[in-house]
């Protein structure tokens, strides 16, 4: 109880100090410069991981995905096995430039580069979700088109294909860890065993059953 009381006093003191500060005293230029420094460090970390994992991904692709295309800036190799129904869905954005996220039903399998399966849909079933949210970035990149045209204006989007995935699309891709779970470990909720180690490149097979 004493520790809790002390923590509350400390928090209240901090809030009082912040509230007492004049907004004009905040150094926006210094804050922006610091953010740029942090962004630079993070970009260097991501680029370093992509470069260090590139040989392992290339070896995997040569053995399992002949003919795959590399997006070297992302460290993602992909191959489209079926383009899907062209008119089944159109990706668009709203007036604020935000992508309108579709709801999708998919069958999928995810494996480590050593072939261990860490997740997959059950036989005869599919998974349903809305694009975005908690999905890893590689999945979002896989679904989205390279660009979206609205009212005659073209907006570049970080997507793998020209049209994005549609109903009936089948895609396989292997991604560097920054666009998967990055530094996080993924554990089995039942056994607490590690299913995906930190900094793991991942391989996915996805079939889109429905998109709307």
N, C-alpha and C. Protein backbone atom coordinates (compact mmCIF):
# COMPACT_ATOMS: atom_id res chain seq x y z
N UNK A 1 0.82 -1.21 0.00
CA UNK A 1 0.00 0.00 0.00
C UNK A 1 0.86 1.26 0.00
N UNK A 2 1.97 1.23 0.74
CA UNK A 2 2.85 2.40 0.78
C UNK A 2 3.44 2.68 -0.60
N UNK A 3 3.83 1.61 -1.29
CA UNK A 3 4.40 1.78 -2.63
C UNK A 3 3.37 2.38 -3.58
N UNK A 4 2.11 1.94 -3.44
CA UNK A 4 1.05 2.47 -4.29
C UNK A 4 0.84 3.94 -4.00
N UNK A 5 0.83 4.29 -2.71
CA UNK A 5 0.64 5.69 -2.31
C UNK A 5 1.76 6.57 -2.86
N UNK A 6 2.99 6.07 -2.78
CA UNK A 6 4.13 6.83 -3.29
C UNK A 6 4.04 7.01 -4.80
N UNK A 7 3.61 5.95 -5.50
CA UNK A 7 3.48 6.02 -6.96
C UNK A 7 2.44 7.06 -7.36
N UNK A 8 1.34 7.11 -6.58
CA UNK A 8 0.30 8.08 -6.91
C UNK A 8 0.78 9.51 -6.69
N UNK A 9 1.54 9.72 -5.62
CA UNK A 9 2.10 11.05 -5.37
C UNK A 9 3.05 11.46 -6.47
N UNK A 10 3.88 10.51 -6.90
CA UNK A 10 4.83 10.79 -7.98
C UNK A 10 4.11 11.15 -9.26
N UNK A 11 3.05 10.39 -9.58
CA UNK A 11 2.28 10.65 -10.79
C UNK A 11 1.61 12.01 -10.74
N UNK A 12 1.00 12.33 -9.56
CA UNK A 12 0.32 13.61 -9.43
C UNK A 12 1.30 14.78 -9.55
N UNK A 13 2.50 14.59 -9.01
CA UNK A 13 3.52 15.63 -9.10
C UNK A 13 3.92 15.87 -10.54
N UNK A 14 4.09 14.76 -11.27
CA UNK A 14 4.48 14.87 -12.68
C UNK A 14 3.41 15.57 -13.49
N UNK A 15 2.15 15.22 -13.21
CA UNK A 15 1.05 15.85 -13.94
C UNK A 15 0.97 17.34 -13.63
N UNK A 16 1.24 17.69 -12.36
CA UNK A 16 1.21 19.09 -11.97
C UNK A 16 2.28 19.89 -12.70
N UNK A 17 3.46 19.29 -12.80
CA UNK A 17 4.57 19.96 -13.49
C UNK A 17 4.25 20.16 -14.95
N UNK A 18 3.68 19.11 -15.58
CA UNK A 18 3.33 19.22 -17.00
C UNK A 18 2.25 20.28 -17.22
N UNK A 19 1.28 20.30 -16.31
CA UNK A 19 0.19 21.26 -16.46
C UNK A 19 0.67 22.69 -16.25
N UNK A 20 1.75 22.84 -15.48
CA UNK A 20 2.26 24.18 -15.17
C UNK A 20 3.11 24.76 -16.30
N UNK A 21 3.56 23.87 -17.19
CA UNK A 21 4.44 24.33 -18.26
C UNK A 21 3.65 25.16 -19.28
N UNK A 22 4.26 26.20 -19.74
CA UNK A 22 3.67 27.01 -20.79
C UNK A 22 3.84 26.29 -22.12
N UNK A 23 2.75 26.16 -22.90
CA UNK A 23 2.83 25.47 -24.18
C UNK A 23 3.86 26.09 -25.11
N UNK A 24 4.06 27.39 -24.94
CA UNK A 24 5.01 28.08 -25.81
C UNK A 24 6.45 27.68 -25.50
N UNK A 25 6.68 27.04 -24.33
CA UNK A 25 8.04 26.62 -23.97
C UNK A 25 8.45 25.34 -24.65
N UNK A 26 7.49 24.62 -25.26
CA UNK A 26 7.80 23.34 -25.89
C UNK A 26 8.60 23.58 -27.17
N UNK A 27 9.72 22.88 -27.27
CA UNK A 27 10.61 23.05 -28.42
C UNK A 27 10.21 22.05 -29.51
N UNK A 28 9.34 22.49 -30.40
CA UNK A 28 8.85 21.60 -31.47
C UNK A 28 9.98 21.20 -32.42
N UNK A 29 10.86 22.11 -32.72
CA UNK A 29 11.96 21.81 -33.63
C UNK A 29 12.86 20.72 -33.05
N UNK A 30 13.15 20.82 -31.76
CA UNK A 30 14.00 19.82 -31.11
C UNK A 30 13.30 18.47 -31.06
N UNK A 31 11.99 18.51 -30.81
CA UNK A 31 11.21 17.28 -30.77
C UNK A 31 11.20 16.60 -32.14
N UNK A 32 11.01 17.39 -33.18
CA UNK A 32 11.01 16.86 -34.53
C UNK A 32 12.37 16.27 -34.89
N UNK A 33 13.43 16.96 -34.49
CA UNK A 33 14.78 16.48 -34.76
C UNK A 33 15.05 15.16 -34.05
N UNK A 34 14.57 15.05 -32.82
CA UNK A 34 14.76 13.81 -32.06
C UNK A 34 13.99 12.66 -32.70
N UNK A 35 12.77 12.96 -33.17
CA UNK A 35 11.99 11.92 -33.84
C UNK A 35 12.67 11.46 -35.12
N UNK A 36 13.24 12.39 -35.85
CA UNK A 36 13.97 12.04 -37.06
C UNK A 36 15.17 11.15 -36.74
N UNK A 37 15.83 11.45 -35.63
CA UNK A 37 16.98 10.63 -35.21
C UNK A 37 16.53 9.21 -34.87
N UNK A 38 15.42 9.11 -34.15
CA UNK A 38 14.91 7.79 -33.78
C UNK A 38 14.44 7.01 -35.02
N UNK A 39 13.80 7.72 -35.95
CA UNK A 39 13.36 7.07 -37.20
C UNK A 39 14.56 6.57 -37.99
N UNK A 40 15.63 7.33 -38.00
CA UNK A 40 16.83 6.94 -38.72
C UNK A 40 17.44 5.67 -38.12
N UNK A 41 17.46 5.61 -36.80
CA UNK A 41 17.99 4.42 -36.11
C UNK A 41 17.13 3.20 -36.42
N UNK A 42 15.80 3.38 -36.39
CA UNK A 42 14.89 2.27 -36.67
C UNK A 42 15.02 1.81 -38.13
N UNK A 43 15.11 2.75 -39.05
CA UNK A 43 15.27 2.39 -40.46
C UNK A 43 16.56 1.61 -40.69
N UNK A 44 17.61 2.02 -40.01
CA UNK A 44 18.89 1.32 -40.14
C UNK A 44 18.79 -0.09 -39.58
N UNK A 45 18.06 -0.24 -38.48
CA UNK A 45 17.89 -1.57 -37.89
C UNK A 45 17.14 -2.49 -38.84
N UNK A 46 16.04 -1.97 -39.41
CA UNK A 46 15.23 -2.77 -40.33
C UNK A 46 16.03 -3.13 -41.58
N UNK A 47 16.71 -2.16 -42.16
CA UNK A 47 17.51 -2.43 -43.36
C UNK A 47 18.61 -3.44 -43.08
N UNK A 48 19.20 -3.37 -41.89
CA UNK A 48 20.24 -4.33 -41.52
C UNK A 48 19.69 -5.74 -41.41
N UNK A 49 18.50 -5.89 -40.83
CA UNK A 49 17.88 -7.21 -40.73
C UNK A 49 17.53 -7.78 -42.10
N UNK A 50 16.96 -6.92 -42.95
CA UNK A 50 16.61 -7.37 -44.29
C UNK A 50 17.85 -7.86 -45.04
N UNK A 51 18.94 -7.11 -44.93
CA UNK A 51 20.19 -7.49 -45.61
C UNK A 51 20.76 -8.78 -45.04
N UNK A 52 20.75 -8.93 -43.72
CA UNK A 52 21.34 -10.12 -43.10
C UNK A 52 20.52 -11.38 -43.37
N UNK A 53 19.20 -11.22 -43.55
CA UNK A 53 18.34 -12.38 -43.79
C UNK A 53 18.19 -12.72 -45.27
N UNK A 54 18.66 -11.83 -46.13
CA UNK A 54 18.49 -12.01 -47.58
C UNK A 54 19.05 -13.34 -48.10
N UNK A 55 20.26 -13.77 -47.69
CA UNK A 55 20.77 -15.04 -48.21
C UNK A 55 19.89 -16.24 -47.84
N UNK A 56 19.38 -16.27 -46.61
CA UNK A 56 18.52 -17.38 -46.19
C UNK A 56 17.22 -17.40 -46.98
N UNK A 57 16.66 -16.20 -47.23
CA UNK A 57 15.43 -16.14 -48.02
C UNK A 57 15.68 -16.57 -49.46
N UNK A 58 16.82 -16.17 -50.02
CA UNK A 58 17.15 -16.57 -51.39
C UNK A 58 17.30 -18.08 -51.50
N UNK A 59 17.94 -18.69 -50.53
CA UNK A 59 18.10 -20.15 -50.52
C UNK A 59 16.73 -20.83 -50.45
N UNK A 60 15.84 -20.29 -49.60
CA UNK A 60 14.50 -20.85 -49.47
C UNK A 60 13.73 -20.72 -50.78
N UNK A 61 13.81 -19.56 -51.40
CA UNK A 61 13.09 -19.32 -52.66
C UNK A 61 13.60 -20.24 -53.76
N UNK A 62 14.90 -20.39 -53.87
CA UNK A 62 15.46 -21.26 -54.91
C UNK A 62 14.94 -22.68 -54.77
N UNK A 63 14.72 -23.12 -53.53
CA UNK A 63 14.29 -24.50 -53.29
C UNK A 63 12.77 -24.67 -53.35
N UNK A 64 12.02 -23.61 -53.04
CA UNK A 64 10.57 -23.76 -52.89
C UNK A 64 9.71 -22.85 -53.76
N UNK A 65 10.29 -21.78 -54.30
CA UNK A 65 9.48 -20.81 -55.04
C UNK A 65 10.17 -20.37 -56.34
N UNK A 66 10.54 -21.30 -57.21
CA UNK A 66 11.19 -20.88 -58.45
C UNK A 66 10.30 -19.94 -59.25
N UNK A 67 10.90 -18.85 -59.75
CA UNK A 67 10.14 -17.87 -60.52
C UNK A 67 9.54 -16.76 -59.68
N UNK A 68 9.80 -16.76 -58.37
CA UNK A 68 9.24 -15.73 -57.49
C UNK A 68 9.88 -14.38 -57.77
N UNK A 69 9.13 -13.32 -57.44
CA UNK A 69 9.58 -11.94 -57.61
C UNK A 69 10.03 -11.37 -56.27
N UNK A 70 11.13 -10.63 -56.28
CA UNK A 70 11.66 -10.03 -55.06
C UNK A 70 11.34 -8.53 -55.00
N UNK A 71 10.80 -8.09 -53.86
CA UNK A 71 10.70 -6.66 -53.55
C UNK A 71 11.84 -6.41 -52.57
N UNK A 72 12.99 -6.01 -53.09
CA UNK A 72 14.20 -6.00 -52.25
C UNK A 72 14.15 -4.99 -51.12
N UNK A 73 13.40 -3.90 -51.28
CA UNK A 73 13.32 -2.90 -50.21
C UNK A 73 12.59 -3.44 -48.99
N UNK A 74 11.77 -4.47 -49.19
CA UNK A 74 11.01 -5.07 -48.10
C UNK A 74 11.58 -6.42 -47.67
N UNK A 75 12.37 -7.02 -48.53
CA UNK A 75 12.84 -8.36 -48.23
C UNK A 75 11.71 -9.37 -48.33
N UNK A 76 10.83 -9.18 -49.33
CA UNK A 76 9.69 -10.08 -49.55
C UNK A 76 9.76 -10.66 -50.95
N UNK A 77 9.72 -11.99 -51.04
CA UNK A 77 9.60 -12.69 -52.31
C UNK A 77 8.16 -13.18 -52.43
N UNK A 78 7.58 -13.11 -53.64
CA UNK A 78 6.21 -13.59 -53.80
C UNK A 78 6.00 -14.19 -55.17
N UNK A 79 4.98 -15.04 -55.24
CA UNK A 79 4.57 -15.61 -56.51
C UNK A 79 3.05 -15.78 -56.48
N UNK A 80 2.37 -15.30 -57.52
CA UNK A 80 0.91 -15.39 -57.60
C UNK A 80 0.56 -16.63 -58.41
N UNK A 81 -0.09 -17.59 -57.77
CA UNK A 81 -0.47 -18.84 -58.46
C UNK A 81 -1.82 -18.72 -59.16
N UNK A 82 -2.66 -17.78 -58.69
CA UNK A 82 -3.95 -17.52 -59.34
C UNK A 82 -4.31 -16.07 -59.09
N UNK A 83 -4.62 -15.28 -60.15
CA UNK A 83 -4.91 -13.85 -59.96
C UNK A 83 -6.26 -13.59 -59.31
N UNK A 84 -7.20 -14.52 -59.42
CA UNK A 84 -8.53 -14.31 -58.87
C UNK A 84 -9.47 -13.62 -59.84
N UNK A 85 -10.70 -13.38 -59.38
CA UNK A 85 -11.73 -12.77 -60.22
C UNK A 85 -11.53 -11.25 -60.24
N UNK A 86 -11.23 -10.71 -61.40
CA UNK A 86 -10.85 -9.31 -61.54
C UNK A 86 -11.86 -8.35 -60.95
N UNK A 87 -13.16 -8.58 -61.19
CA UNK A 87 -14.19 -7.64 -60.77
C UNK A 87 -14.81 -7.97 -59.41
N UNK A 88 -14.19 -8.87 -58.65
CA UNK A 88 -14.79 -9.29 -57.39
C UNK A 88 -14.62 -8.25 -56.29
N UNK A 89 -13.62 -7.37 -56.41
CA UNK A 89 -13.42 -6.34 -55.40
C UNK A 89 -12.56 -5.23 -55.97
N UNK A 90 -12.86 -3.97 -55.54
CA UNK A 90 -12.05 -2.82 -55.94
C UNK A 90 -11.55 -2.12 -54.70
N UNK A 91 -10.25 -2.00 -54.56
CA UNK A 91 -9.65 -1.31 -53.43
C UNK A 91 -9.80 0.20 -53.63
N UNK A 92 -10.18 0.89 -52.57
CA UNK A 92 -10.37 2.33 -52.68
C UNK A 92 -9.98 3.02 -51.37
N UNK A 93 -10.00 4.34 -51.40
CA UNK A 93 -9.66 5.13 -50.21
C UNK A 93 -10.75 6.16 -49.98
N UNK A 94 -10.82 6.69 -48.75
CA UNK A 94 -11.80 7.72 -48.45
C UNK A 94 -11.20 9.11 -48.66
N UNK A 95 -11.95 10.14 -48.33
CA UNK A 95 -11.51 11.51 -48.57
C UNK A 95 -10.31 11.91 -47.72
N UNK A 96 -10.03 11.13 -46.67
CA UNK A 96 -8.88 11.40 -45.81
C UNK A 96 -7.63 10.64 -46.26
N UNK A 97 -7.75 9.90 -47.36
CA UNK A 97 -6.61 9.13 -47.86
C UNK A 97 -6.42 7.80 -47.16
N UNK A 98 -7.44 7.36 -46.41
CA UNK A 98 -7.35 6.09 -45.70
C UNK A 98 -7.91 4.97 -46.56
N UNK A 99 -7.22 3.84 -46.58
CA UNK A 99 -7.68 2.69 -47.36
C UNK A 99 -8.91 2.09 -46.70
N UNK A 100 -9.95 1.84 -47.48
CA UNK A 100 -11.15 1.17 -46.97
C UNK A 100 -10.85 -0.32 -46.91
N UNK A 101 -10.78 -0.85 -45.70
CA UNK A 101 -10.33 -2.23 -45.50
C UNK A 101 -11.44 -3.24 -45.77
N UNK A 102 -11.21 -4.20 -46.63
CA UNK A 102 -12.22 -5.22 -46.90
C UNK A 102 -12.25 -6.30 -45.83
N UNK A 103 -13.35 -7.01 -45.77
CA UNK A 103 -13.44 -8.23 -44.97
C UNK A 103 -13.13 -9.40 -45.88
N UNK A 104 -12.27 -10.30 -45.43
CA UNK A 104 -11.83 -11.39 -46.28
C UNK A 104 -12.00 -12.73 -45.57
N UNK A 105 -12.20 -13.77 -46.38
CA UNK A 105 -12.20 -15.14 -45.90
C UNK A 105 -11.07 -15.86 -46.63
N UNK A 106 -10.20 -16.51 -45.89
CA UNK A 106 -9.03 -17.14 -46.51
C UNK A 106 -8.75 -18.52 -45.94
N UNK A 107 -8.07 -19.29 -46.75
CA UNK A 107 -7.41 -20.50 -46.28
C UNK A 107 -5.92 -20.20 -46.32
N UNK A 108 -5.19 -20.61 -45.30
CA UNK A 108 -3.77 -20.25 -45.29
C UNK A 108 -2.94 -21.25 -44.48
N UNK A 109 -1.65 -21.18 -44.70
CA UNK A 109 -0.69 -21.95 -43.91
C UNK A 109 0.55 -21.10 -43.74
N UNK A 110 1.09 -21.08 -42.53
CA UNK A 110 2.31 -20.33 -42.25
C UNK A 110 3.38 -21.25 -41.71
N UNK A 111 4.60 -21.14 -42.24
CA UNK A 111 5.70 -21.99 -41.78
C UNK A 111 6.96 -21.17 -41.54
N UNK A 112 7.83 -21.72 -40.71
CA UNK A 112 9.17 -21.19 -40.58
C UNK A 112 9.98 -21.65 -41.79
N UNK A 113 11.16 -21.10 -41.97
CA UNK A 113 11.97 -21.48 -43.13
C UNK A 113 12.46 -22.92 -43.05
N UNK A 114 12.44 -23.50 -41.84
CA UNK A 114 12.85 -24.91 -41.71
C UNK A 114 11.71 -25.87 -42.01
N UNK A 115 10.54 -25.32 -42.37
CA UNK A 115 9.40 -26.16 -42.72
C UNK A 115 8.40 -26.39 -41.61
N UNK A 116 8.71 -25.98 -40.38
CA UNK A 116 7.79 -26.16 -39.26
C UNK A 116 6.54 -25.30 -39.47
N UNK A 117 5.37 -25.93 -39.42
CA UNK A 117 4.11 -25.21 -39.56
C UNK A 117 3.72 -24.62 -38.21
N UNK A 118 3.54 -23.30 -38.15
CA UNK A 118 3.16 -22.67 -36.88
C UNK A 118 1.69 -22.30 -36.83
N UNK A 119 1.02 -22.27 -38.00
CA UNK A 119 -0.40 -21.95 -38.01
C UNK A 119 -0.99 -22.31 -39.37
N UNK A 120 -2.27 -22.74 -39.37
CA UNK A 120 -2.97 -23.01 -40.63
C UNK A 120 -4.45 -23.15 -40.35
N UNK A 121 -5.25 -22.94 -41.39
CA UNK A 121 -6.68 -23.14 -41.25
C UNK A 121 -6.97 -24.64 -41.26
N UNK A 122 -8.04 -25.01 -40.57
CA UNK A 122 -8.43 -26.42 -40.52
C UNK A 122 -8.98 -26.85 -41.88
N UNK A 123 -8.86 -28.13 -42.14
CA UNK A 123 -9.33 -28.68 -43.41
C UNK A 123 -10.81 -28.35 -43.61
N UNK A 124 -11.13 -27.79 -44.77
CA UNK A 124 -12.51 -27.47 -45.10
C UNK A 124 -13.05 -26.21 -44.47
N UNK A 125 -12.21 -25.49 -43.72
CA UNK A 125 -12.65 -24.26 -43.07
C UNK A 125 -11.82 -23.08 -43.56
N UNK A 126 -12.24 -21.87 -43.17
CA UNK A 126 -11.50 -20.66 -43.55
C UNK A 126 -11.46 -19.71 -42.36
N UNK A 127 -10.60 -18.74 -42.44
CA UNK A 127 -10.49 -17.70 -41.42
C UNK A 127 -11.07 -16.42 -41.97
N UNK A 128 -11.79 -15.67 -41.15
CA UNK A 128 -12.39 -14.40 -41.58
C UNK A 128 -11.82 -13.27 -40.74
N UNK A 129 -11.48 -12.18 -41.38
CA UNK A 129 -10.97 -11.01 -40.67
C UNK A 129 -11.09 -9.78 -41.56
N UNK A 130 -10.92 -8.62 -40.95
CA UNK A 130 -10.88 -7.37 -41.69
C UNK A 130 -9.43 -6.98 -41.89
N UNK A 131 -9.09 -6.64 -43.10
CA UNK A 131 -7.71 -6.29 -43.42
C UNK A 131 -7.25 -5.10 -42.57
N UNK A 132 -6.08 -5.23 -42.00
CA UNK A 132 -5.57 -4.20 -41.11
C UNK A 132 -5.55 -4.72 -39.69
N UNK A 133 -5.73 -3.85 -38.74
CA UNK A 133 -5.79 -4.29 -37.35
C UNK A 133 -4.51 -4.95 -36.90
N UNK A 134 -4.64 -6.18 -36.38
CA UNK A 134 -3.49 -6.90 -35.81
C UNK A 134 -2.73 -7.73 -36.82
N UNK A 135 -3.11 -7.67 -38.08
CA UNK A 135 -2.40 -8.44 -39.10
C UNK A 135 -0.96 -7.96 -39.23
N UNK A 136 -0.04 -8.90 -39.43
CA UNK A 136 1.34 -8.49 -39.67
C UNK A 136 1.40 -7.70 -40.98
N UNK A 137 2.40 -6.85 -41.08
CA UNK A 137 2.48 -5.93 -42.23
C UNK A 137 2.62 -6.68 -43.55
N UNK A 138 3.31 -7.81 -43.53
CA UNK A 138 3.50 -8.57 -44.76
C UNK A 138 2.17 -9.03 -45.35
N UNK A 139 1.22 -9.40 -44.51
CA UNK A 139 -0.10 -9.79 -45.00
C UNK A 139 -0.81 -8.60 -45.63
N UNK A 140 -0.76 -7.47 -44.98
CA UNK A 140 -1.42 -6.29 -45.53
C UNK A 140 -0.80 -5.89 -46.87
N UNK A 141 0.53 -5.95 -46.93
CA UNK A 141 1.23 -5.64 -48.17
C UNK A 141 0.85 -6.62 -49.26
N UNK A 142 0.69 -7.89 -48.90
CA UNK A 142 0.33 -8.92 -49.88
C UNK A 142 -1.05 -8.69 -50.46
N UNK A 143 -1.98 -8.20 -49.64
CA UNK A 143 -3.35 -8.01 -50.12
C UNK A 143 -3.51 -6.75 -50.95
N UNK A 144 -2.82 -5.69 -50.61
CA UNK A 144 -3.07 -4.39 -51.24
C UNK A 144 -2.44 -4.27 -52.62
N UNK A 145 -3.01 -3.42 -53.48
CA UNK A 145 -2.40 -3.15 -54.79
C UNK A 145 -1.23 -2.19 -54.66
N UNK A 146 -0.49 -2.04 -55.75
CA UNK A 146 0.63 -1.10 -55.75
C UNK A 146 0.16 0.35 -55.68
N UNK A 147 -1.02 0.61 -56.23
CA UNK A 147 -1.56 1.97 -56.21
C UNK A 147 -3.08 1.92 -56.30
N UNK A 148 -3.72 3.02 -55.91
CA UNK A 148 -5.18 3.16 -55.98
C UNK A 148 -5.50 4.45 -56.72
N UNK A 149 -6.41 4.38 -57.67
CA UNK A 149 -6.81 5.56 -58.42
C UNK A 149 -8.19 6.02 -57.97
N UNK A 150 -8.31 7.29 -57.64
CA UNK A 150 -9.58 7.85 -57.19
C UNK A 150 -9.74 9.25 -57.79
N UNK A 151 -10.87 9.46 -58.46
CA UNK A 151 -11.16 10.76 -59.08
C UNK A 151 -10.03 11.24 -59.99
N UNK A 152 -9.46 10.31 -60.71
CA UNK A 152 -8.41 10.65 -61.66
C UNK A 152 -7.04 10.80 -61.05
N UNK A 153 -6.94 10.68 -59.74
CA UNK A 153 -5.64 10.79 -59.07
C UNK A 153 -5.16 9.41 -58.63
N UNK A 154 -3.87 9.17 -58.82
CA UNK A 154 -3.28 7.88 -58.45
C UNK A 154 -2.48 8.04 -57.17
N UNK A 155 -2.79 7.18 -56.19
CA UNK A 155 -2.11 7.22 -54.91
C UNK A 155 -1.27 5.96 -54.75
N UNK A 156 0.04 6.10 -54.58
CA UNK A 156 0.88 4.91 -54.40
C UNK A 156 0.60 4.22 -53.08
N UNK A 157 0.48 2.91 -53.12
CA UNK A 157 0.24 2.08 -51.94
C UNK A 157 1.32 1.00 -51.92
N UNK A 158 1.78 0.63 -50.75
CA UNK A 158 2.80 -0.42 -50.67
C UNK A 158 2.14 -1.78 -50.81
N UNK A 159 1.93 -2.21 -52.04
CA UNK A 159 1.35 -3.52 -52.31
C UNK A 159 2.26 -4.32 -53.21
N UNK A 160 2.03 -5.61 -53.29
CA UNK A 160 2.90 -6.47 -54.09
C UNK A 160 2.47 -6.54 -55.56
N UNK A 161 1.16 -6.50 -55.81
CA UNK A 161 0.67 -6.68 -57.18
C UNK A 161 -0.07 -5.43 -57.65
N UNK A 162 -0.33 -5.36 -58.95
CA UNK A 162 -0.99 -4.19 -59.53
C UNK A 162 -2.44 -4.05 -59.06
N UNK A 163 -3.14 -5.18 -58.90
CA UNK A 163 -4.57 -5.13 -58.58
C UNK A 163 -4.88 -5.48 -57.13
N UNK A 164 -3.93 -6.03 -56.40
CA UNK A 164 -4.24 -6.53 -55.07
C UNK A 164 -4.93 -7.88 -55.18
N UNK A 165 -5.07 -8.57 -54.07
CA UNK A 165 -5.70 -9.89 -54.08
C UNK A 165 -7.20 -9.76 -54.24
N UNK A 166 -7.78 -10.70 -54.98
CA UNK A 166 -9.22 -10.72 -55.23
C UNK A 166 -9.79 -12.08 -54.81
N UNK A 167 -11.09 -12.25 -54.96
CA UNK A 167 -11.70 -13.54 -54.69
C UNK A 167 -11.09 -14.59 -55.62
N UNK A 168 -10.62 -15.68 -55.04
CA UNK A 168 -10.00 -16.73 -55.84
C UNK A 168 -8.50 -16.59 -56.00
N UNK A 169 -7.93 -15.49 -55.52
CA UNK A 169 -6.48 -15.29 -55.62
C UNK A 169 -5.74 -16.32 -54.77
N UNK A 170 -4.61 -16.76 -55.28
CA UNK A 170 -3.71 -17.62 -54.51
C UNK A 170 -2.32 -17.01 -54.59
N UNK A 171 -1.69 -16.85 -53.44
CA UNK A 171 -0.37 -16.24 -53.40
C UNK A 171 0.50 -16.98 -52.39
N UNK A 172 1.77 -17.06 -52.70
CA UNK A 172 2.77 -17.56 -51.76
C UNK A 172 3.82 -16.47 -51.59
N UNK A 173 4.24 -16.24 -50.37
CA UNK A 173 5.30 -15.26 -50.16
C UNK A 173 6.12 -15.61 -48.92
N UNK A 174 7.37 -15.18 -48.97
CA UNK A 174 8.26 -15.33 -47.82
C UNK A 174 8.76 -13.94 -47.48
N UNK A 175 8.71 -13.59 -46.20
CA UNK A 175 9.01 -12.23 -45.78
C UNK A 175 10.12 -12.17 -44.75
N UNK A 176 10.91 -11.13 -44.81
CA UNK A 176 11.90 -10.87 -43.77
C UNK A 176 11.17 -10.57 -42.46
N UNK A 177 11.86 -10.73 -41.35
CA UNK A 177 11.21 -10.62 -40.04
C UNK A 177 10.63 -9.25 -39.71
N UNK A 178 11.22 -8.10 -40.17
CA UNK A 178 10.61 -6.82 -39.80
C UNK A 178 9.17 -6.66 -40.27
N UNK A 179 8.77 -7.39 -41.32
CA UNK A 179 7.40 -7.30 -41.82
C UNK A 179 6.55 -8.48 -41.36
N UNK A 180 7.14 -9.29 -40.45
CA UNK A 180 6.39 -10.36 -39.80
C UNK A 180 6.19 -9.97 -38.34
N UNK A 181 6.77 -10.75 -37.41
CA UNK A 181 6.59 -10.42 -35.98
C UNK A 181 7.81 -9.71 -35.41
N UNK A 182 8.79 -9.42 -36.25
CA UNK A 182 9.95 -8.63 -35.86
C UNK A 182 10.63 -9.22 -34.62
N UNK A 183 10.78 -8.42 -33.57
CA UNK A 183 11.52 -8.85 -32.39
C UNK A 183 10.67 -9.63 -31.39
N UNK A 184 9.38 -9.76 -31.67
CA UNK A 184 8.48 -10.45 -30.73
C UNK A 184 8.52 -11.97 -30.93
N UNK A 185 8.40 -12.70 -29.83
CA UNK A 185 8.22 -14.13 -29.88
C UNK A 185 6.72 -14.43 -29.87
N UNK A 186 6.31 -15.45 -30.62
CA UNK A 186 4.92 -15.87 -30.61
C UNK A 186 4.85 -17.23 -29.92
N UNK A 187 4.03 -17.31 -28.86
CA UNK A 187 3.95 -18.54 -28.08
C UNK A 187 2.60 -19.22 -28.25
N UNK A 188 2.62 -20.54 -28.09
CA UNK A 188 1.39 -21.32 -28.11
C UNK A 188 0.61 -20.99 -26.84
N UNK A 189 -0.64 -20.51 -26.96
CA UNK A 189 -1.39 -20.11 -25.76
C UNK A 189 -1.69 -21.28 -24.82
N UNK A 190 -1.66 -22.50 -25.33
CA UNK A 190 -1.97 -23.66 -24.50
C UNK A 190 -0.73 -24.19 -23.77
N UNK A 191 0.38 -24.26 -24.48
CA UNK A 191 1.58 -24.87 -23.89
C UNK A 191 2.64 -23.85 -23.48
N UNK A 192 2.48 -22.61 -23.96
CA UNK A 192 3.45 -21.53 -23.72
C UNK A 192 4.78 -21.79 -24.43
N UNK A 193 4.81 -22.78 -25.30
CA UNK A 193 6.02 -23.05 -26.07
C UNK A 193 6.15 -22.01 -27.18
N UNK A 194 7.37 -21.66 -27.55
CA UNK A 194 7.60 -20.68 -28.60
C UNK A 194 7.31 -21.29 -29.97
N UNK A 195 6.34 -20.73 -30.67
CA UNK A 195 6.02 -21.19 -32.02
C UNK A 195 6.83 -20.45 -33.07
N UNK A 196 7.02 -19.14 -32.84
CA UNK A 196 7.79 -18.31 -33.78
C UNK A 196 8.86 -17.58 -32.98
N UNK A 197 10.13 -17.93 -33.16
CA UNK A 197 11.19 -17.21 -32.44
C UNK A 197 11.28 -15.76 -32.93
N UNK A 198 11.85 -14.91 -32.11
CA UNK A 198 12.05 -13.51 -32.49
C UNK A 198 12.92 -13.43 -33.75
N UNK A 199 12.67 -12.41 -34.56
CA UNK A 199 13.45 -12.15 -35.78
C UNK A 199 13.42 -13.30 -36.77
N UNK A 200 12.23 -13.90 -36.92
CA UNK A 200 12.10 -15.04 -37.84
C UNK A 200 11.47 -14.63 -39.17
N UNK A 201 12.13 -14.90 -40.29
CA UNK A 201 11.46 -14.78 -41.58
C UNK A 201 10.36 -15.84 -41.65
N UNK A 202 9.28 -15.56 -42.37
CA UNK A 202 8.15 -16.49 -42.42
C UNK A 202 7.68 -16.71 -43.86
N UNK A 203 7.10 -17.89 -44.07
CA UNK A 203 6.57 -18.26 -45.39
C UNK A 203 5.08 -18.52 -45.25
N UNK A 204 4.29 -17.98 -46.20
CA UNK A 204 2.84 -18.13 -46.16
C UNK A 204 2.30 -18.59 -47.51
N UNK A 205 1.24 -19.39 -47.43
CA UNK A 205 0.43 -19.75 -48.60
C UNK A 205 -0.99 -19.29 -48.29
N UNK A 206 -1.56 -18.46 -49.17
CA UNK A 206 -2.88 -17.89 -48.92
C UNK A 206 -3.78 -18.10 -50.14
N UNK A 207 -5.01 -18.53 -49.87
CA UNK A 207 -6.05 -18.60 -50.90
C UNK A 207 -7.22 -17.77 -50.42
N UNK A 208 -7.67 -16.81 -51.23
CA UNK A 208 -8.77 -15.94 -50.86
C UNK A 208 -10.09 -16.57 -51.30
N UNK A 209 -10.91 -16.96 -50.31
CA UNK A 209 -12.20 -17.58 -50.61
C UNK A 209 -13.27 -16.54 -50.90
N UNK A 210 -13.18 -15.37 -50.19
CA UNK A 210 -14.16 -14.30 -50.38
C UNK A 210 -13.54 -12.99 -49.97
N UNK A 211 -13.97 -11.90 -50.60
CA UNK A 211 -13.50 -10.56 -50.23
C UNK A 211 -14.63 -9.58 -50.51
N UNK A 212 -14.92 -8.73 -49.53
CA UNK A 212 -16.06 -7.81 -49.71
C UNK A 212 -15.90 -6.57 -48.84
